[in-house]
Amino acid sequence: QVQLVESGGGLVQPGGSLRLSCAASGMIFSIYDMGWYRQAPGKQRELVATITSGGRTIYADSVKGRFYIFRDNAKNTIYLQMNSLKPEDTAVYLCNAFDPKSGIGYWGQGTQVTVSS
């Protein structure tokens, strides 16, 4: 079965940095499009960044220039490097895997990021 496990979340001060990881298993990782989404309390889940199987990236305007998504196919892992963090970045960050051929997608459980002084 496909499993996605996020890690790296925690408490950080404004202006600080974190790197999130999403380790995938049970799938042919290299053919999947991958992404990071986030959901704050009382708000709708929103796109943060995506990376296709070919390495093409898309970023939400709110994180462009601060966050960077990349993948390591040899480790079946994607990462989200988060710099210059702001309190409004506080949310549960979720990993997503999508097979563009079959149309099947999967979600991880999420990791909490809290930006506060």
N, C-alpha and C. Protein backbone atom coordinates (compact mmCIF):
# COMPACT_ATOMS: atom_id res chain seq x y z
N GLN A 1 0.82 -1.17 0.00
CA GLN A 1 0.00 0.00 0.00
C GLN A 1 0.88 1.25 0.00
N VAL A 2 0.35 2.32 -0.60
CA VAL A 2 1.07 3.58 -0.64
C VAL A 2 1.02 4.24 0.72
N GLN A 3 2.17 4.69 1.21
CA GLN A 3 2.26 5.43 2.46
C GLN A 3 3.14 6.65 2.28
N LEU A 4 2.72 7.76 2.87
CA LEU A 4 3.47 9.00 2.87
C LEU A 4 3.63 9.45 4.32
N VAL A 5 4.86 9.68 4.75
CA VAL A 5 5.15 10.03 6.13
C VAL A 5 5.94 11.33 6.15
N GLU A 6 5.31 12.38 6.71
CA GLU A 6 5.95 13.68 6.82
C GLU A 6 6.75 13.78 8.12
N SER A 7 7.79 14.60 8.11
CA SER A 7 8.57 14.87 9.30
C SER A 7 9.25 16.23 9.16
N GLY A 8 9.75 16.76 10.26
CA GLY A 8 10.50 17.99 10.25
C GLY A 8 9.79 19.21 10.79
N GLY A 9 8.51 19.08 11.11
CA GLY A 9 7.77 20.20 11.65
C GLY A 9 8.18 20.52 13.08
N GLY A 10 7.71 21.67 13.57
CA GLY A 10 8.03 22.08 14.92
C GLY A 10 7.75 23.54 15.13
N LEU A 11 8.28 24.07 16.23
CA LEU A 11 8.13 25.47 16.60
C LEU A 11 9.36 26.25 16.18
N VAL A 12 9.15 27.37 15.50
CA VAL A 12 10.26 28.20 15.03
C VAL A 12 9.87 29.67 15.17
N GLN A 13 10.85 30.53 15.41
CA GLN A 13 10.60 31.95 15.52
C GLN A 13 10.43 32.59 14.15
N PRO A 14 9.69 33.70 14.07
CA PRO A 14 9.60 34.42 12.79
C PRO A 14 10.98 34.74 12.24
N GLY A 15 11.12 34.55 10.92
CA GLY A 15 12.40 34.74 10.27
C GLY A 15 13.26 33.50 10.22
N GLY A 16 12.88 32.46 10.94
CA GLY A 16 13.64 31.23 10.97
C GLY A 16 13.36 30.32 9.80
N SER A 17 13.98 29.14 9.82
CA SER A 17 13.86 28.17 8.73
C SER A 17 13.56 26.78 9.25
N LEU A 18 12.88 25.99 8.44
CA LEU A 18 12.64 24.58 8.68
C LEU A 18 12.72 23.84 7.36
N ARG A 19 13.07 22.56 7.42
CA ARG A 19 13.01 21.71 6.25
C ARG A 19 12.11 20.52 6.55
N LEU A 20 11.04 20.39 5.77
CA LEU A 20 10.13 19.27 5.90
C LEU A 20 10.52 18.16 4.93
N SER A 21 10.27 16.92 5.35
CA SER A 21 10.53 15.76 4.51
C SER A 21 9.26 14.93 4.38
N CYS A 22 9.10 14.28 3.24
CA CYS A 22 8.00 13.34 3.01
C CYS A 22 8.59 12.09 2.39
N ALA A 23 8.60 11.00 3.16
CA ALA A 23 9.12 9.73 2.70
C ALA A 23 7.98 8.87 2.16
N ALA A 24 8.10 8.41 0.93
CA ALA A 24 7.07 7.62 0.27
C ALA A 24 7.49 6.16 0.17
N SER A 25 6.50 5.27 0.21
CA SER A 25 6.75 3.85 0.04
C SER A 25 5.54 3.20 -0.62
N GLY A 26 5.74 2.01 -1.17
CA GLY A 26 4.64 1.27 -1.77
C GLY A 26 4.22 1.76 -3.14
N MET A 27 5.09 2.47 -3.84
CA MET A 27 4.76 3.01 -5.15
C MET A 27 6.02 3.21 -5.97
N ILE A 28 5.83 3.36 -7.30
CA ILE A 28 6.95 3.72 -8.17
C ILE A 28 7.09 5.23 -8.09
N PHE A 29 7.95 5.68 -7.20
CA PHE A 29 8.02 7.09 -6.83
C PHE A 29 8.30 8.00 -8.02
N SER A 30 9.16 7.58 -8.92
CA SER A 30 9.64 8.45 -9.99
C SER A 30 8.56 8.87 -10.98
N ILE A 31 7.44 8.16 -11.05
CA ILE A 31 6.38 8.50 -12.00
C ILE A 31 5.30 9.40 -11.39
N TYR A 32 5.39 9.67 -10.10
CA TYR A 32 4.37 10.45 -9.41
C TYR A 32 4.70 11.93 -9.40
N ASP A 33 3.67 12.75 -9.57
CA ASP A 33 3.76 14.16 -9.23
C ASP A 33 3.57 14.29 -7.72
N MET A 34 4.33 15.17 -7.09
CA MET A 34 4.31 15.31 -5.65
C MET A 34 4.03 16.76 -5.26
N GLY A 35 3.53 16.94 -4.04
CA GLY A 35 3.25 18.30 -3.61
C GLY A 35 3.12 18.45 -2.11
N TRP A 36 3.22 19.69 -1.68
CA TRP A 36 2.97 20.08 -0.30
C TRP A 36 1.75 20.99 -0.25
N TYR A 37 0.85 20.71 0.68
CA TYR A 37 -0.31 21.52 0.96
C TYR A 37 -0.31 21.88 2.44
N ARG A 38 -1.08 22.89 2.82
CA ARG A 38 -1.18 23.24 4.23
C ARG A 38 -2.61 23.63 4.59
N GLN A 39 -2.94 23.43 5.86
CA GLN A 39 -4.26 23.75 6.36
C GLN A 39 -4.14 24.34 7.76
N ALA A 40 -4.56 25.59 7.91
CA ALA A 40 -4.59 26.25 9.19
C ALA A 40 -5.96 26.06 9.82
N PRO A 41 -6.07 26.17 11.16
CA PRO A 41 -7.36 26.00 11.83
C PRO A 41 -8.42 26.93 11.27
N GLY A 42 -9.58 26.36 10.92
CA GLY A 42 -10.68 27.14 10.39
C GLY A 42 -10.54 27.59 8.96
N LYS A 43 -9.49 27.15 8.28
CA LYS A 43 -9.26 27.57 6.91
C LYS A 43 -9.22 26.36 5.97
N GLN A 44 -9.41 26.63 4.69
CA GLN A 44 -9.39 25.60 3.68
C GLN A 44 -7.97 25.16 3.36
N ARG A 45 -7.81 23.90 3.02
CA ARG A 45 -6.51 23.40 2.59
C ARG A 45 -6.07 24.12 1.32
N GLU A 46 -4.80 24.51 1.26
CA GLU A 46 -4.31 25.25 0.12
C GLU A 46 -2.99 24.67 -0.38
N LEU A 47 -2.76 24.87 -1.66
CA LEU A 47 -1.51 24.47 -2.29
C LEU A 47 -0.36 25.31 -1.78
N VAL A 48 0.76 24.68 -1.48
CA VAL A 48 2.00 25.38 -1.15
C VAL A 48 2.96 25.28 -2.32
N ALA A 49 3.27 24.07 -2.75
CA ALA A 49 4.19 23.85 -3.85
C ALA A 49 3.99 22.46 -4.42
N THR A 50 4.23 22.30 -5.72
CA THR A 50 4.19 21.00 -6.36
C THR A 50 5.43 20.80 -7.21
N ILE A 51 5.77 19.55 -7.43
CA ILE A 51 6.87 19.19 -8.32
C ILE A 51 6.46 17.96 -9.11
N THR A 52 6.56 18.04 -10.43
CA THR A 52 6.16 16.93 -11.29
C THR A 52 7.24 15.87 -11.32
N SER A 53 6.91 14.73 -11.94
CA SER A 53 7.89 13.67 -12.09
C SER A 53 9.10 14.13 -12.89
N GLY A 54 8.92 15.13 -13.75
CA GLY A 54 10.01 15.68 -14.54
C GLY A 54 10.76 16.81 -13.87
N GLY A 55 10.35 17.21 -12.66
CA GLY A 55 11.06 18.23 -11.91
C GLY A 55 10.52 19.64 -12.07
N ARG A 56 9.42 19.82 -12.77
CA ARG A 56 8.84 21.15 -12.92
C ARG A 56 8.11 21.54 -11.64
N THR A 57 8.30 22.79 -11.19
CA THR A 57 7.76 23.24 -9.91
C THR A 57 6.74 24.35 -10.07
N ILE A 58 5.80 24.41 -9.14
CA ILE A 58 4.81 25.47 -9.03
C ILE A 58 4.74 25.87 -7.56
N TYR A 59 4.68 27.19 -7.29
CA TYR A 59 4.60 27.70 -5.93
C TYR A 59 3.41 28.62 -5.76
N ALA A 60 2.80 28.57 -4.58
CA ALA A 60 1.81 29.57 -4.23
C ALA A 60 2.48 30.94 -4.14
N ASP A 61 1.75 31.97 -4.53
CA ASP A 61 2.32 33.31 -4.51
C ASP A 61 2.79 33.71 -3.11
N SER A 62 2.11 33.23 -2.08
CA SER A 62 2.43 33.61 -0.72
C SER A 62 3.76 33.06 -0.23
N VAL A 63 4.30 32.04 -0.89
CA VAL A 63 5.56 31.44 -0.46
C VAL A 63 6.67 31.58 -1.49
N LYS A 64 6.37 32.11 -2.65
CA LYS A 64 7.35 32.23 -3.72
C LYS A 64 8.54 33.06 -3.26
N GLY A 65 9.74 32.54 -3.50
CA GLY A 65 10.95 33.21 -3.08
C GLY A 65 11.39 32.86 -1.68
N ARG A 66 10.53 32.21 -0.89
CA ARG A 66 10.87 31.82 0.48
C ARG A 66 10.94 30.30 0.64
N PHE A 67 10.05 29.57 -0.03
CA PHE A 67 9.98 28.12 0.08
C PHE A 67 10.49 27.48 -1.21
N TYR A 68 11.10 26.29 -1.07
CA TYR A 68 11.62 25.57 -2.22
C TYR A 68 11.30 24.09 -2.07
N ILE A 69 10.71 23.50 -3.13
CA ILE A 69 10.40 22.08 -3.15
C ILE A 69 11.41 21.36 -4.04
N PHE A 70 11.87 20.21 -3.58
CA PHE A 70 12.74 19.40 -4.40
C PHE A 70 12.54 17.93 -4.05
N ARG A 71 12.99 17.06 -4.94
CA ARG A 71 12.80 15.62 -4.76
C ARG A 71 14.09 14.86 -4.97
N ASP A 72 14.20 13.74 -4.27
CA ASP A 72 15.32 12.82 -4.40
C ASP A 72 14.72 11.46 -4.73
N ASN A 73 14.69 11.12 -6.01
CA ASN A 73 14.06 9.87 -6.43
C ASN A 73 14.78 8.64 -5.88
N ALA A 74 16.08 8.73 -5.66
CA ALA A 74 16.83 7.60 -5.12
C ALA A 74 16.41 7.29 -3.69
N LYS A 75 15.91 8.30 -2.96
CA LYS A 75 15.47 8.12 -1.58
C LYS A 75 13.96 8.08 -1.43
N ASN A 76 13.23 8.16 -2.55
CA ASN A 76 11.76 8.20 -2.52
C ASN A 76 11.25 9.27 -1.56
N THR A 77 11.83 10.45 -1.64
CA THR A 77 11.55 11.52 -0.69
C THR A 77 11.44 12.86 -1.40
N ILE A 78 10.50 13.69 -0.94
CA ILE A 78 10.46 15.09 -1.33
C ILE A 78 10.69 15.95 -0.10
N TYR A 79 11.13 17.19 -0.33
CA TYR A 79 11.46 18.10 0.74
C TYR A 79 10.81 19.46 0.48
N LEU A 80 10.57 20.19 1.55
CA LEU A 80 10.14 21.57 1.47
C LEU A 80 11.05 22.39 2.36
N GLN A 81 11.93 23.17 1.75
CA GLN A 81 12.79 24.08 2.49
C GLN A 81 12.03 25.37 2.71
N MET A 82 11.84 25.75 3.96
CA MET A 82 11.03 26.90 4.35
C MET A 82 11.94 27.94 5.01
N ASN A 83 12.09 29.09 4.37
CA ASN A 83 12.93 30.16 4.87
C ASN A 83 12.09 31.40 5.15
N SER A 84 12.65 32.31 5.95
CA SER A 84 11.98 33.57 6.28
C SER A 84 10.55 33.34 6.74
N LEU A 85 10.37 32.42 7.66
CA LEU A 85 9.04 32.01 8.08
C LEU A 85 8.30 33.15 8.78
N LYS A 86 6.99 33.19 8.54
CA LYS A 86 6.10 34.20 9.10
C LYS A 86 5.02 33.52 9.94
N PRO A 87 4.43 34.24 10.90
CA PRO A 87 3.36 33.63 11.70
C PRO A 87 2.22 33.07 10.85
N GLU A 88 1.92 33.70 9.72
CA GLU A 88 0.84 33.22 8.86
C GLU A 88 1.18 31.93 8.13
N ASP A 89 2.42 31.45 8.24
CA ASP A 89 2.79 30.14 7.71
C ASP A 89 2.38 29.01 8.64
N THR A 90 1.92 29.33 9.85
CA THR A 90 1.52 28.32 10.82
C THR A 90 0.37 27.48 10.26
N ALA A 91 0.55 26.16 10.23
CA ALA A 91 -0.44 25.25 9.66
C ALA A 91 0.05 23.82 9.81
N VAL A 92 -0.85 22.88 9.53
CA VAL A 92 -0.45 21.50 9.32
C VAL A 92 -0.07 21.36 7.85
N TYR A 93 1.12 20.86 7.60
CA TYR A 93 1.62 20.69 6.24
C TYR A 93 1.48 19.22 5.85
N LEU A 94 0.85 18.99 4.69
CA LEU A 94 0.54 17.64 4.24
C LEU A 94 1.22 17.34 2.92
N CYS A 95 1.69 16.12 2.79
CA CYS A 95 2.32 15.64 1.58
C CYS A 95 1.28 14.96 0.69
N ASN A 96 1.38 15.18 -0.61
CA ASN A 96 0.47 14.58 -1.58
C ASN A 96 1.25 13.91 -2.70
N ALA A 97 0.78 12.74 -3.11
CA ALA A 97 1.33 12.02 -4.26
C ALA A 97 0.22 11.76 -5.26
N PHE A 98 0.47 12.02 -6.54
CA PHE A 98 -0.54 11.89 -7.57
C PHE A 98 0.04 11.19 -8.79
N ASP A 99 -0.64 10.13 -9.22
CA ASP A 99 -0.26 9.41 -10.43
C ASP A 99 -1.05 10.00 -11.59
N PRO A 100 -0.42 10.77 -12.47
CA PRO A 100 -1.18 11.42 -13.54
C PRO A 100 -1.78 10.44 -14.55
N LYS A 101 -1.27 9.23 -14.63
CA LYS A 101 -1.80 8.25 -15.56
C LYS A 101 -3.10 7.63 -15.06
N SER A 102 -3.13 7.22 -13.80
CA SER A 102 -4.30 6.58 -13.23
C SER A 102 -5.28 7.55 -12.62
N GLY A 103 -4.83 8.75 -12.25
CA GLY A 103 -5.66 9.72 -11.57
C GLY A 103 -5.82 9.48 -10.08
N ILE A 104 -5.07 8.54 -9.52
CA ILE A 104 -5.16 8.21 -8.11
C ILE A 104 -4.18 9.06 -7.31
N GLY A 105 -4.66 9.62 -6.20
CA GLY A 105 -3.84 10.42 -5.33
C GLY A 105 -3.85 9.92 -3.90
N TYR A 106 -2.84 10.31 -3.12
CA TYR A 106 -2.68 9.87 -1.75
C TYR A 106 -2.22 11.04 -0.88
N TRP A 107 -2.58 10.97 0.41
CA TRP A 107 -2.22 12.00 1.38
C TRP A 107 -1.48 11.40 2.56
N GLY A 108 -0.53 12.15 3.10
CA GLY A 108 0.08 11.81 4.36
C GLY A 108 -0.73 12.33 5.53
N GLN A 109 -0.27 12.06 6.75
CA GLN A 109 -0.99 12.48 7.95
C GLN A 109 -0.75 13.94 8.30
N GLY A 110 0.36 14.50 7.88
CA GLY A 110 0.66 15.89 8.12
C GLY A 110 1.65 16.09 9.25
N THR A 111 2.32 17.24 9.22
CA THR A 111 3.24 17.64 10.28
C THR A 111 2.98 19.11 10.63
N GLN A 112 2.95 19.41 11.93
CA GLN A 112 2.60 20.74 12.41
C GLN A 112 3.80 21.68 12.33
N VAL A 113 3.58 22.85 11.75
CA VAL A 113 4.55 23.94 11.74
C VAL A 113 3.94 25.12 12.46
N THR A 114 4.61 25.60 13.50
CA THR A 114 4.15 26.75 14.27
C THR A 114 5.23 27.82 14.26
N VAL A 115 4.89 29.00 13.78
CA VAL A 115 5.82 30.13 13.71
C VAL A 115 5.36 31.17 14.72
N SER A 116 6.12 31.34 15.79
CA SER A 116 5.73 32.21 16.88
C SER A 116 6.95 32.64 17.67
N SER A 117 6.89 33.85 18.20
CA SER A 117 7.95 34.35 19.07
C SER A 117 7.68 34.02 20.53
